[in-house]
Amino acid sequence: MAARDLDRTLSALAEPTRRAVVDLLRRRPRRAGELAEALSMSPPAMSRHLRVLRKTGLVEEEHAGEDARVRVYRLRPAPFRQLRAWIEDVERLWTLELAAFKEHVERTRTPDGKRR
């Protein structure tokens, strides 16, 4: 994941309301009005949050039925896969660092637990 994309994704997900929207959309696609109602928000406020999620590529919208005003939102899996890959890279780094630290501590301690 490019650093700029990662920054935008993390910035979008840093806001609690947008994380709540993502949690709702994990279960199933929903209309914007449904999301606003579920989170006790006005439709314009929800629209602003959905715009941020759409611009960062975390969600996509489609028109439902014949009414072009009704939009259904769903999560896009690609950004979440990229985010997971970045987190796994960071986790691998820390796993290696902690293993090296453990080895160092064990190497510098005597059997009775004192430092050499």
PDB file of N, CA and C in Angstrom:
ATOM      1  N   MET A   1       0.851  -1.171   0.000  1.00  0.00           N
ATOM      2  CA  MET A   1       0.000   0.000   0.000  1.00  0.00           C
ATOM      3  C   MET A   1       0.894   1.231   0.000  1.00  0.00           C
ATOM      4  N   ALA A   2       0.648   2.133  -0.895  1.00  0.00           N
ATOM      5  CA  ALA A   2       1.435   3.362  -0.956  1.00  0.00           C
ATOM      6  C   ALA A   2       1.215   4.163   0.323  1.00  0.00           C
ATOM      7  N   ALA A   3       2.263   4.849   0.750  1.00  0.00           N
ATOM      8  CA  ALA A   3       2.199   5.590   2.015  1.00  0.00           C
ATOM      9  C   ALA A   3       1.050   6.594   2.021  1.00  0.00           C
ATOM     10  N   ARG A   4       0.849   7.265   0.918  1.00  0.00           N
ATOM     11  CA  ARG A   4      -0.223   8.266   0.849  1.00  0.00           C
ATOM     12  C   ARG A   4      -1.593   7.611   1.000  1.00  0.00           C
ATOM     13  N   ASP A   5      -1.801   6.470   0.344  1.00  0.00           N
ATOM     14  CA  ASP A   5      -3.069   5.750   0.466  1.00  0.00           C
ATOM     15  C   ASP A   5      -3.275   5.268   1.895  1.00  0.00           C
ATOM     16  N   LEU A   6      -2.215   4.758   2.492  1.00  0.00           N
ATOM     17  CA  LEU A   6      -2.299   4.283   3.871  1.00  0.00           C
ATOM     18  C   LEU A   6      -2.658   5.433   4.808  1.00  0.00           C
ATOM     19  N   ASP A   7      -2.027   6.578   4.622  1.00  0.00           N
ATOM     20  CA  ASP A   7      -2.326   7.749   5.453  1.00  0.00           C
ATOM     21  C   ASP A   7      -3.796   8.144   5.329  1.00  0.00           C
ATOM     22  N   ARG A   8      -4.300   8.149   4.119  1.00  0.00           N
ATOM     23  CA  ARG A   8      -5.705   8.523   3.901  1.00  0.00           C
ATOM     24  C   ARG A   8      -6.651   7.501   4.526  1.00  0.00           C
ATOM     25  N   THR A   9      -6.323   6.223   4.391  1.00  0.00           N
ATOM     26  CA  THR A   9      -7.159   5.174   4.975  1.00  0.00           C
ATOM     27  C   THR A   9      -7.186   5.293   6.492  1.00  0.00           C
ATOM     28  N   LEU A  10      -6.006   5.425   7.093  1.00  0.00           N
ATOM     29  CA  LEU A  10      -5.942   5.528   8.552  1.00  0.00           C
ATOM     30  C   LEU A  10      -6.626   6.800   9.046  1.00  0.00           C
ATOM     31  N   SER A  11      -6.478   7.880   8.313  1.00  0.00           N
ATOM     32  CA  SER A  11      -7.131   9.133   8.693  1.00  0.00           C
ATOM     33  C   SER A  11      -8.652   8.980   8.651  1.00  0.00           C
ATOM     34  N   ALA A  12      -9.156   8.350   7.613  1.00  0.00           N
ATOM     35  CA  ALA A  12     -10.604   8.142   7.507  1.00  0.00           C
ATOM     36  C   ALA A  12     -11.115   7.261   8.638  1.00  0.00           C
ATOM     37  N   LEU A  13     -10.366   6.222   8.972  1.00  0.00           N
ATOM     38  CA  LEU A  13     -10.799   5.292  10.016  1.00  0.00           C
ATOM     39  C   LEU A  13     -10.535   5.808  11.426  1.00  0.00           C
ATOM     40  N   ALA A  14      -9.806   6.903  11.556  1.00  0.00           N
ATOM     41  CA  ALA A  14      -9.528   7.472  12.881  1.00  0.00           C
ATOM     42  C   ALA A  14     -10.777   8.114  13.482  1.00  0.00           C
ATOM     43  N   GLU A  15     -11.746   8.428  12.664  1.00  0.00           N
ATOM     44  CA  GLU A  15     -12.951   9.100  13.140  1.00  0.00           C
ATOM     45  C   GLU A  15     -13.962   8.044  13.600  1.00  0.00           C
ATOM     46  N   PRO A  16     -14.445   8.102  14.845  1.00  0.00           N
ATOM     47  CA  PRO A  16     -15.328   7.061  15.395  1.00  0.00           C
ATOM     48  C   PRO A  16     -16.601   6.815  14.587  1.00  0.00           C
ATOM     49  N   THR A  17     -17.217   7.857  14.064  1.00  0.00           N
ATOM     50  CA  THR A  17     -18.445   7.653  13.287  1.00  0.00           C
ATOM     51  C   THR A  17     -18.159   6.850  12.029  1.00  0.00           C
ATOM     52  N   ARG A  18     -17.050   7.135  11.367  1.00  0.00           N
ATOM     53  CA  ARG A  18     -16.726   6.386  10.148  1.00  0.00           C
ATOM     54  C   ARG A  18     -16.405   4.929  10.468  1.00  0.00           C
ATOM     55  N   ARG A  19     -15.768   4.672  11.612  1.00  0.00           N
ATOM     56  CA  ARG A  19     -15.543   3.275  12.010  1.00  0.00           C
ATOM     57  C   ARG A  19     -16.875   2.579  12.278  1.00  0.00           C
ATOM     58  N   ALA A  20     -17.825   3.302  12.869  1.00  0.00           N
ATOM     59  CA  ALA A  20     -19.150   2.728  13.115  1.00  0.00           C
ATOM     60  C   ALA A  20     -19.848   2.408  11.793  1.00  0.00           C
ATOM     61  N   VAL A  21     -19.696   3.273  10.807  1.00  0.00           N
ATOM     62  CA  VAL A  21     -20.266   3.014   9.474  1.00  0.00           C
ATOM     63  C   VAL A  21     -19.644   1.744   8.890  1.00  0.00           C
ATOM     64  N   VAL A  22     -18.328   1.621   8.994  1.00  0.00           N
ATOM     65  CA  VAL A  22     -17.643   0.425   8.485  1.00  0.00           C
ATOM     66  C   VAL A  22     -18.171  -0.815   9.201  1.00  0.00           C
ATOM     67  N   ASP A  23     -18.347  -0.733  10.516  1.00  0.00           N
ATOM     68  CA  ASP A  23     -18.877  -1.880  11.262  1.00  0.00           C
ATOM     69  C   ASP A  23     -20.269  -2.273  10.774  1.00  0.00           C
ATOM     70  N   LEU A  24     -21.114  -1.292  10.515  1.00  0.00           N
ATOM     71  CA  LEU A  24     -22.453  -1.595   9.997  1.00  0.00           C
ATOM     72  C   LEU A  24     -22.379  -2.209   8.600  1.00  0.00           C
ATOM     73  N   LEU A  25     -21.507  -1.681   7.766  1.00  0.00           N
ATOM     74  CA  LEU A  25     -21.400  -2.192   6.392  1.00  0.00           C
ATOM     75  C   LEU A  25     -20.724  -3.557   6.329  1.00  0.00           C
ATOM     76  N   ARG A  26     -20.005  -3.940   7.380  1.00  0.00           N
ATOM     77  CA  ARG A  26     -19.409  -5.286   7.392  1.00  0.00           C
ATOM     78  C   ARG A  26     -20.497  -6.347   7.378  1.00  0.00           C
ATOM     79  N   ARG A  27     -21.630  -6.029   7.963  1.00  0.00           N
ATOM     80  CA  ARG A  27     -22.725  -6.998   8.051  1.00  0.00           C
ATOM     81  C   ARG A  27     -23.473  -7.145   6.724  1.00  0.00           C
ATOM     82  N   ARG A  28     -23.693  -5.976   6.069  1.00  0.00           N
ATOM     83  CA  ARG A  28     -24.400  -5.991   4.776  1.00  0.00           C
ATOM     84  C   ARG A  28     -24.396  -4.592   4.185  1.00  0.00           C
ATOM     85  N   PRO A  29     -24.605  -4.484   2.875  1.00  0.00           N
ATOM     86  CA  PRO A  29     -24.738  -3.158   2.255  1.00  0.00           C
ATOM     87  C   PRO A  29     -25.976  -2.456   2.824  1.00  0.00           C
ATOM     88  N   ARG A  30     -25.904  -1.134   2.886  1.00  0.00           N
ATOM     89  CA  ARG A  30     -27.021  -0.362   3.440  1.00  0.00           C
ATOM     90  C   ARG A  30     -27.203   0.951   2.685  1.00  0.00           C
ATOM     91  N   ARG A  31     -28.437   1.455   2.745  1.00  0.00           N
ATOM     92  CA  ARG A  31     -28.732   2.772   2.192  1.00  0.00           C
ATOM     93  C   ARG A  31     -28.171   3.841   3.120  1.00  0.00           C
ATOM     94  N   ALA A  32     -27.887   5.004   2.568  1.00  0.00           N
ATOM     95  CA  ALA A  32     -27.354   6.110   3.363  1.00  0.00           C
ATOM     96  C   ALA A  32     -28.315   6.478   4.492  1.00  0.00           C
ATOM     97  N   GLY A  33     -29.599   6.512   4.199  1.00  0.00           N
ATOM     98  CA  GLY A  33     -30.594   6.842   5.218  1.00  0.00           C
ATOM     99  C   GLY A  33     -30.618   5.839   6.354  1.00  0.00           C
ATOM    100  N   GLU A  34     -30.433   4.579   6.010  1.00  0.00           N
ATOM    101  CA  GLU A  34     -30.376   3.516   7.017  1.00  0.00           C
ATOM    102  C   GLU A  34     -29.184   3.718   7.953  1.00  0.00           C
ATOM    103  N   LEU A  35     -28.049   4.070   7.363  1.00  0.00           N
ATOM    104  CA  LEU A  35     -26.845   4.319   8.164  1.00  0.00           C
ATOM    105  C   LEU A  35     -27.050   5.520   9.084  1.00  0.00           C
ATOM    106  N   ALA A  36     -27.635   6.584   8.550  1.00  0.00           N
ATOM    107  CA  ALA A  36     -27.880   7.783   9.355  1.00  0.00           C
ATOM    108  C   ALA A  36     -28.804   7.460  10.524  1.00  0.00           C
ATOM    109  N   GLU A  37     -29.853   6.716  10.250  1.00  0.00           N
ATOM    110  CA  GLU A  37     -30.804   6.349  11.304  1.00  0.00           C
ATOM    111  C   GLU A  37     -30.142   5.462  12.357  1.00  0.00           C
ATOM    112  N   ALA A  38     -29.381   4.484  11.922  1.00  0.00           N
ATOM    113  CA  ALA A  38     -28.727   3.559  12.860  1.00  0.00           C
ATOM    114  C   ALA A  38     -27.763   4.283  13.794  1.00  0.00           C
ATOM    115  N   LEU A  39     -27.173   5.373  13.314  1.00  0.00           N
ATOM    116  CA  LEU A  39     -26.196   6.110  14.122  1.00  0.00           C
ATOM    117  C   LEU A  39     -26.761   7.427  14.663  1.00  0.00           C
ATOM    118  N   SER A  40     -28.087   7.592  14.556  1.00  0.00           N
ATOM    119  CA  SER A  40     -28.771   8.793  15.069  1.00  0.00           C
ATOM    120  C   SER A  40     -28.137  10.080  14.547  1.00  0.00           C
ATOM    121  N   MET A  41     -27.956  10.129  13.249  1.00  0.00           N
ATOM    122  CA  MET A  41     -27.343  11.297  12.609  1.00  0.00           C
ATOM    123  C   MET A  41     -28.289  11.874  11.571  1.00  0.00           C
ATOM    124  N   SER A  42     -28.073  13.124  11.248  1.00  0.00           N
ATOM    125  CA  SER A  42     -28.842  13.731  10.160  1.00  0.00           C
ATOM    126  C   SER A  42     -28.312  13.185   8.829  1.00  0.00           C
ATOM    127  N   PRO A  43     -29.166  13.106   7.822  1.00  0.00           N
ATOM    128  CA  PRO A  43     -28.686  12.654   6.507  1.00  0.00           C
ATOM    129  C   PRO A  43     -27.522  13.480   5.961  1.00  0.00           C
ATOM    130  N   PRO A  44     -27.528  14.820   6.092  1.00  0.00           N
ATOM    131  CA  PRO A  44     -26.370  15.571   5.581  1.00  0.00           C
ATOM    132  C   PRO A  44     -25.060  15.220   6.298  1.00  0.00           C
ATOM    133  N   ALA A  45     -25.131  14.999   7.611  1.00  0.00           N
ATOM    134  CA  ALA A  45     -23.915  14.632   8.353  1.00  0.00           C
ATOM    135  C   ALA A  45     -23.408  13.270   7.889  1.00  0.00           C
ATOM    136  N   MET A  46     -24.340  12.329   7.693  1.00  0.00           N
ATOM    137  CA  MET A  46     -23.938  11.004   7.218  1.00  0.00           C
ATOM    138  C   MET A  46     -23.351  11.111   5.819  1.00  0.00           C
ATOM    139  N   SER A  47     -23.926  11.946   4.999  1.00  0.00           N
ATOM    140  CA  SER A  47     -23.424  12.132   3.638  1.00  0.00           C
ATOM    141  C   SER A  47     -21.964  12.588   3.646  1.00  0.00           C
ATOM    142  N   ARG A  48     -21.619  13.476   4.567  1.00  0.00           N
ATOM    143  CA  ARG A  48     -20.226  13.948   4.653  1.00  0.00           C
ATOM    144  C   ARG A  48     -19.279  12.804   5.025  1.00  0.00           C
ATOM    145  N   HIS A  49     -19.704  11.956   5.969  1.00  0.00           N
ATOM    146  CA  HIS A  49     -18.861  10.815   6.356  1.00  0.00           C
ATOM    147  C   HIS A  49     -18.724   9.822   5.201  1.00  0.00           C
ATOM    148  N   LEU A  50     -19.819   9.569   4.510  1.00  0.00           N
ATOM    149  CA  LEU A  50     -19.769   8.639   3.379  1.00  0.00           C
ATOM    150  C   LEU A  50     -18.893   9.182   2.257  1.00  0.00           C
ATOM    151  N   ARG A  51     -18.898  10.487   2.064  1.00  0.00           N
ATOM    152  CA  ARG A  51     -18.044  11.092   1.036  1.00  0.00           C
ATOM    153  C   ARG A  51     -16.570  10.827   1.351  1.00  0.00           C
ATOM    154  N   VAL A  52     -16.183  10.973   2.611  1.00  0.00           N
ATOM    155  CA  VAL A  52     -14.788  10.706   3.003  1.00  0.00           C
ATOM    156  C   VAL A  52     -14.453   9.242   2.753  1.00  0.00           C
ATOM    157  N   LEU A  53     -15.336   8.344   3.160  1.00  0.00           N
ATOM    158  CA  LEU A  53     -15.086   6.911   2.968  1.00  0.00           C
ATOM    159  C   LEU A  53     -15.025   6.556   1.483  1.00  0.00           C
ATOM    160  N   ARG A  54     -15.848   7.210   0.687  1.00  0.00           N
ATOM    161  CA  ARG A  54     -15.843   6.965  -0.763  1.00  0.00           C
ATOM    162  C   ARG A  54     -14.562   7.486  -1.401  1.00  0.00           C
ATOM    163  N   LYS A  55     -14.139   8.695  -1.023  1.00  0.00           N
ATOM    164  CA  LYS A  55     -12.927   9.280  -1.603  1.00  0.00           C
ATOM    165  C   LYS A  55     -11.677   8.480  -1.252  1.00  0.00           C
ATOM    166  N   THR A  56     -11.669   7.845  -0.102  1.00  0.00           N
ATOM    167  CA  THR A  56     -10.511   7.029   0.276  1.00  0.00           C
ATOM    168  C   THR A  56     -10.617   5.616  -0.294  1.00  0.00           C
ATOM    169  N   GLY A  57     -11.734   5.314  -0.957  1.00  0.00           N
ATOM    170  CA  GLY A  57     -11.891   4.010  -1.595  1.00  0.00           C
ATOM    171  C   GLY A  57     -12.339   2.907  -0.659  1.00  0.00           C
ATOM    172  N   LEU A  58     -12.740   3.259   0.563  1.00  0.00           N
ATOM    173  CA  LEU A  58     -13.161   2.235   1.520  1.00  0.00           C
ATOM    174  C   LEU A  58     -14.567   1.722   1.241  1.00  0.00           C
ATOM    175  N   VAL A  59     -15.411   2.579   0.666  1.00  0.00           N
ATOM    176  CA  VAL A  59     -16.766   2.158   0.313  1.00  0.00           C
ATOM    177  C   VAL A  59     -17.042   2.528  -1.138  1.00  0.00           C
ATOM    178  N   GLU A  60     -18.030   1.861  -1.681  1.00  0.00           N
ATOM    179  CA  GLU A  60     -18.516   2.209  -3.014  1.00  0.00           C
ATOM    180  C   GLU A  60     -20.025   2.330  -2.929  1.00  0.00           C
ATOM    181  N   GLU A  61     -20.576   3.066  -3.851  1.00  0.00           N
ATOM    182  CA  GLU A  61     -22.027   3.260  -3.856  1.00  0.00           C
ATOM    183  C   GLU A  61     -22.600   2.769  -5.170  1.00  0.00           C
ATOM    184  N   GLU A  62     -23.849   2.373  -5.101  1.00  0.00           N
ATOM    185  CA  GLU A  62     -24.575   2.046  -6.329  1.00  0.00           C
ATOM    186  C   GLU A  62     -26.000   2.540  -6.157  1.00  0.00           C
ATOM    187  N   HIS A  63     -26.614   2.850  -7.258  1.00  0.00           N
ATOM    188  CA  HIS A  63     -28.001   3.315  -7.215  1.00  0.00           C
ATOM    189  C   HIS A  63     -28.900   2.098  -7.083  1.00  0.00           C
ATOM    190  N   ALA A  64     -29.864   2.219  -6.189  1.00  0.00           N
ATOM    191  CA  ALA A  64     -30.773   1.100  -5.929  1.00  0.00           C
ATOM    192  C   ALA A  64     -32.063   1.290  -6.721  1.00  0.00           C
ATOM    193  N   GLY A  65     -32.377   0.312  -7.505  1.00  0.00           N
ATOM    194  CA  GLY A  65     -33.637   0.351  -8.242  1.00  0.00           C
ATOM    195  C   GLY A  65     -33.717   1.488  -9.239  1.00  0.00           C
ATOM    196  N   GLU A  66     -34.936   1.988  -9.416  1.00  0.00           N
ATOM    197  CA  GLU A  66     -35.171   3.014 -10.428  1.00  0.00           C
ATOM    198  C   GLU A  66     -35.007   4.430  -9.898  1.00  0.00           C
ATOM    199  N   ASP A  67     -34.937   4.589  -8.590  1.00  0.00           N
ATOM    200  CA  ASP A  67     -34.806   5.922  -7.999  1.00  0.00           C
ATOM    201  C   ASP A  67     -33.324   6.259  -7.861  1.00  0.00           C
ATOM    202  N   ALA A  68     -32.849   7.174  -8.692  1.00  0.00           N
ATOM    203  CA  ALA A  68     -31.422   7.526  -8.704  1.00  0.00           C
ATOM    204  C   ALA A  68     -30.982   8.208  -7.420  1.00  0.00           C
ATOM    205  N   ARG A  69     -31.946   8.682  -6.617  1.00  0.00           N
ATOM    206  CA  ARG A  69     -31.581   9.341  -5.360  1.00  0.00           C
ATOM    207  C   ARG A  69     -31.215   8.343  -4.271  1.00  0.00           C
ATOM    208  N   VAL A  70     -31.667   7.108  -4.408  1.00  0.00           N
ATOM    209  CA  VAL A  70     -31.409   6.090  -3.384  1.00  0.00           C
ATOM    210  C   VAL A  70     -30.091   5.397  -3.710  1.00  0.00           C
ATOM    211  N   ARG A  71     -29.166   5.488  -2.774  1.00  0.00           N
ATOM    212  CA  ARG A  71     -27.846   4.879  -2.969  1.00  0.00           C
ATOM    213  C   ARG A  71     -27.599   3.842  -1.886  1.00  0.00           C
ATOM    214  N   VAL A  72     -27.009   2.745  -2.310  1.00  0.00           N
ATOM    215  CA  VAL A  72     -26.645   1.679  -1.378  1.00  0.00           C
ATOM    216  C   VAL A  72     -25.127   1.654  -1.300  1.00  0.00           C
ATOM    217  N   TYR A  73     -24.622   1.581  -0.086  1.00  0.00           N
ATOM    218  CA  TYR A  73     -23.175   1.599   0.149  1.00  0.00           C
ATOM    219  C   TYR A  73     -22.709   0.225   0.595  1.00  0.00           C
ATOM    220  N   ARG A  74     -21.526  -0.127   0.138  1.00  0.00           N
ATOM    221  CA  ARG A  74     -20.902  -1.398   0.536  1.00  0.00           C
ATOM    222  C   ARG A  74     -19.407  -1.173   0.679  1.00  0.00           C
ATOM    223  N   LEU A  75     -18.781  -2.043   1.473  1.00  0.00           N
ATOM    224  CA  LEU A  75     -17.331  -1.954   1.653  1.00  0.00           C
ATOM    225  C   LEU A  75     -16.619  -2.470   0.418  1.00  0.00           C
ATOM    226  N   ARG A  76     -15.476  -1.901   0.152  1.00  0.00           N
ATOM    227  CA  ARG A  76     -14.587  -2.403  -0.902  1.00  0.00           C
ATOM    228  C   ARG A  76     -13.486  -3.192  -0.199  1.00  0.00           C
ATOM    229  N   PRO A  77     -13.271  -4.436  -0.545  1.00  0.00           N
ATOM    230  CA  PRO A  77     -12.299  -5.259   0.183  1.00  0.00           C
ATOM    231  C   PRO A  77     -10.834  -4.885  -0.038  1.00  0.00           C
ATOM    232  N   ALA A  78     -10.481  -4.353  -1.187  1.00  0.00           N
ATOM    233  CA  ALA A  78      -9.060  -4.112  -1.499  1.00  0.00           C
ATOM    234  C   ALA A  78      -8.351  -3.221  -0.480  1.00  0.00           C
ATOM    235  N   PRO A  79      -8.898  -2.068  -0.093  1.00  0.00           N
ATOM    236  CA  PRO A  79      -8.175  -1.236   0.876  1.00  0.00           C
ATOM    237  C   PRO A  79      -7.979  -1.930   2.224  1.00  0.00           C
ATOM    238  N   PHE A  80      -8.936  -2.762   2.611  1.00  0.00           N
ATOM    239  CA  PHE A  80      -8.815  -3.466   3.886  1.00  0.00           C
ATOM    240  C   PHE A  80      -7.756  -4.568   3.805  1.00  0.00           C
ATOM    241  N   ARG A  81      -7.643  -5.211   2.638  1.00  0.00           N
ATOM    242  CA  ARG A  81      -6.567  -6.203   2.454  1.00  0.00           C
ATOM    243  C   ARG A  81      -5.210  -5.516   2.515  1.00  0.00           C
ATOM    244  N   GLN A  82      -5.106  -4.343   1.887  1.00  0.00           N
ATOM    245  CA  GLN A  82      -3.843  -3.597   1.905  1.00  0.00           C
ATOM    246  C   GLN A  82      -3.500  -3.139   3.321  1.00  0.00           C
ATOM    247  N   LEU A  83      -4.498  -2.699   4.060  1.00  0.00           N
ATOM    248  CA  LEU A  83      -4.271  -2.279   5.445  1.00  0.00           C
ATOM    249  C   LEU A  83      -3.820  -3.466   6.291  1.00  0.00           C
ATOM    250  N   ARG A  84      -4.467  -4.611   6.105  1.00  0.00           N
ATOM    251  CA  ARG A  84      -4.086  -5.813   6.850  1.00  0.00           C
ATOM    252  C   ARG A  84      -2.649  -6.213   6.518  1.00  0.00           C
ATOM    253  N   ALA A  85      -2.256  -6.132   5.265  1.00  0.00           N
ATOM    254  CA  ALA A  85      -0.881  -6.481   4.874  1.00  0.00           C
ATOM    255  C   ALA A  85       0.123  -5.557   5.553  1.00  0.00           C
ATOM    256  N   TRP A  86      -0.183  -4.267   5.627  1.00  0.00           N
ATOM    257  CA  TRP A  86       0.717  -3.321   6.295  1.00  0.00           C
ATOM    258  C   TRP A  86       0.823  -3.644   7.785  1.00  0.00           C
ATOM    259  N   ILE A  87      -0.319  -3.926   8.415  1.00  0.00           N
ATOM    260  CA  ILE A  87      -0.313  -4.273   9.844  1.00  0.00           C
ATOM    261  C   ILE A  87       0.489  -5.548  10.073  1.00  0.00           C
ATOM    262  N   GLU A  88       0.349  -6.529   9.199  1.00  0.00           N
ATOM    263  CA  GLU A  88       1.113  -7.773   9.337  1.00  0.00           C
ATOM    264  C   GLU A  88       2.606  -7.517   9.198  1.00  0.00           C
ATOM    265  N   ASP A  89       3.007  -6.608   8.311  1.00  0.00           N
ATOM    266  CA  ASP A  89       4.428  -6.248   8.188  1.00  0.00           C
ATOM    267  C   ASP A  89       4.948  -5.635   9.481  1.00  0.00           C
ATOM    268  N   VAL A  90       4.169  -4.729  10.058  1.00  0.00           N
ATOM    269  CA  VAL A  90       4.566  -4.098  11.321  1.00  0.00           C
ATOM    270  C   VAL A  90       4.639  -5.147  12.429  1.00  0.00           C
ATOM    271  N   GLU A  91       3.675  -6.038  12.455  1.00  0.00           N
ATOM    272  CA  GLU A  91       3.655  -7.092  13.473  1.00  0.00           C
ATOM    273  C   GLU A  91       4.882  -7.996  13.343  1.00  0.00           C
ATOM    274  N   ARG A  92       5.249  -8.345  12.105  1.00  0.00           N
ATOM    275  CA  ARG A  92       6.441  -9.176  11.894  1.00  0.00           C
ATOM    276  C   ARG A  92       7.687  -8.486  12.432  1.00  0.00           C
ATOM    277  N   LEU A  93       7.811  -7.197  12.160  1.00  0.00           N
ATOM    278  CA  LEU A  93       8.954  -6.438  12.653  1.00  0.00           C
ATOM    279  C   LEU A  93       9.023  -6.514  14.173  1.00  0.00           C
ATOM    280  N   TRP A  94       7.911  -6.253  14.842  1.00  0.00           N
ATOM    281  CA  TRP A  94       7.920  -6.268  16.304  1.00  0.00           C
ATOM    282  C   TRP A  94       8.121  -7.673  16.855  1.00  0.00           C
ATOM    283  N   THR A  95       7.635  -8.677  16.197  1.00  0.00           N
ATOM    284  CA  THR A  95       7.868 -10.052  16.632  1.00  0.00           C
ATOM    285  C   THR A  95       9.357 -10.358  16.595  1.00  0.00           C
ATOM    286  N   LEU A  96      10.033  -9.948  15.521  1.00  0.00           N
ATOM    287  CA  LEU A  96      11.483 -10.155  15.422  1.00  0.00           C
ATOM    288  C   LEU A  96      12.225  -9.349  16.482  1.00  0.00           C
ATOM    289  N   GLU A  97      11.825  -8.095  16.686  1.00  0.00           N
ATOM    290  CA  GLU A  97      12.477  -7.247  17.689  1.00  0.00           C
ATOM    291  C   GLU A  97      12.316  -7.837  19.089  1.00  0.00           C
ATOM    292  N   LEU A  98      11.120  -8.295  19.411  1.00  0.00           N
ATOM    293  CA  LEU A  98      10.886  -8.860  20.740  1.00  0.00           C
ATOM    294  C   LEU A  98      11.633 -10.174  20.927  1.00  0.00           C
ATOM    295  N   ALA A  99      11.722 -10.978  19.883  1.00  0.00           N
ATOM    296  CA  ALA A  99      12.481 -12.228  19.970  1.00  0.00           C
ATOM    297  C   ALA A  99      13.957 -11.928  20.210  1.00  0.00           C
ATOM    298  N   ALA A 100      14.492 -10.929  19.521  1.00  0.00           N
ATOM    299  CA  ALA A 100      15.895 -10.547  19.721  1.00  0.00           C
ATOM    300  C   ALA A 100      16.113 -10.013  21.130  1.00  0.00           C
ATOM    301  N   PHE A 101      15.174  -9.243  21.642  1.00  0.00           N
ATOM    302  CA  PHE A 101      15.292  -8.711  23.001  1.00  0.00           C
ATOM    303  C   PHE A 101      15.254  -9.843  24.025  1.00  0.00           C
ATOM    304  N   LYS A 102      14.346 -10.787  23.833  1.00  0.00           N
ATOM    305  CA  LYS A 102      14.246 -11.938  24.740  1.00  0.00           C
ATOM    306  C   LYS A 102      15.559 -12.712  24.746  1.00  0.00           C
ATOM    307  N   GLU A 103      16.102 -12.945  23.568  1.00  0.00           N
ATOM    308  CA  GLU A 103      17.374 -13.666  23.457  1.00  0.00           C
ATOM    309  C   GLU A 103      18.480 -12.905  24.190  1.00  0.00           C
ATOM    310  N   HIS A 104      18.525 -11.602  24.033  1.00  0.00           N
ATOM    311  CA  HIS A 104      19.530 -10.776  24.713  1.00  0.00           C
ATOM    312  C   HIS A 104      19.383 -10.886  26.233  1.00  0.00           C
ATOM    313  N   VAL A 105      18.158 -10.779  26.725  1.00  0.00           N
ATOM    314  CA  VAL A 105      17.924 -10.862  28.173  1.00  0.00           C
ATOM    315  C   VAL A 105      18.334 -12.226  28.697  1.00  0.00           C
ATOM    316  N   GLU A 106      17.958 -13.274  27.990  1.00  0.00           N
ATOM    317  CA  GLU A 106      18.313 -14.626  28.434  1.00  0.00           C
ATOM    318  C   GLU A 106      19.820 -14.842  28.401  1.00  0.00           C
ATOM    319  N   ARG A 107      20.494 -14.240  27.436  1.00  0.00           N
ATOM    320  CA  ARG A 107      21.936 -14.389  27.301  1.00  0.00           C
ATOM    321  C   ARG A 107      22.688 -13.613  28.389  1.00  0.00           C
ATOM    322  N   THR A 108      22.115 -12.527  28.865  1.00  0.00           N
ATOM    323  CA  THR A 108      22.816 -11.686  29.840  1.00  0.00           C
ATOM    324  C   THR A 108      22.385 -11.949  31.279  1.00  0.00           C
ATOM    325  N   ARG A 109      21.559 -12.934  31.515  1.00  0.00           N
ATOM    326  CA  ARG A 109      21.128 -13.282  32.877  1.00  0.00           C
ATOM    327  C   ARG A 109      21.802 -14.573  33.324  1.00  0.00           C
ATOM    328  N   THR A 110      22.096 -14.628  34.593  1.00  0.00           N
ATOM    329  CA  THR A 110      22.633 -15.861  35.184  1.00  0.00           C
ATOM    330  C   THR A 110      21.455 -16.762  35.533  1.00  0.00           C
ATOM    331  N   PRO A 111      21.695 -18.034  35.832  1.00  0.00           N
ATOM    332  CA  PRO A 111      20.599 -18.948  36.166  1.00  0.00           C
ATOM    333  C   PRO A 111      19.737 -18.463  37.336  1.00  0.00           C
ATOM    334  N   ASP A 112      20.312 -17.692  38.267  1.00  0.00           N
ATOM    335  CA  ASP A 112      19.515 -17.205  39.404  1.00  0.00           C
ATOM    336  C   ASP A 112      18.793 -15.888  39.092  1.00  0.00           C
ATOM    337  N   GLY A 113      18.818 -15.433  37.828  1.00  0.00           N
ATOM    338  CA  GLY A 113      18.074 -14.261  37.400  1.00  0.00           C
ATOM    339  C   GLY A 113      18.809 -12.945  37.492  1.00  0.00           C
ATOM    340  N   LYS A 114      20.044 -12.960  37.928  1.00  0.00           N
ATOM    341  CA  LYS A 114      20.818 -11.723  38.035  1.00  0.00           C
ATOM    342  C   LYS A 114      21.495 -11.420  36.706  1.00  0.00           C
ATOM    343  N   ARG A 115      21.845 -10.157  36.531  1.00  0.00           N
ATOM    344  CA  ARG A 115      22.536  -9.748  35.302  1.00  0.00           C
ATOM    345  C   ARG A 115      24.002 -10.124  35.365  1.00  0.00           C
ATOM    346  N   ARG A 116      24.559 -10.467  34.237  1.00  0.00           N
ATOM    347  CA  ARG A 116      25.994 -10.786  34.150  1.00  0.00           C
ATOM    348  C   ARG A 116      26.806  -9.555  33.992  1.00  0.00           C
TER     349      ARG A 116
END
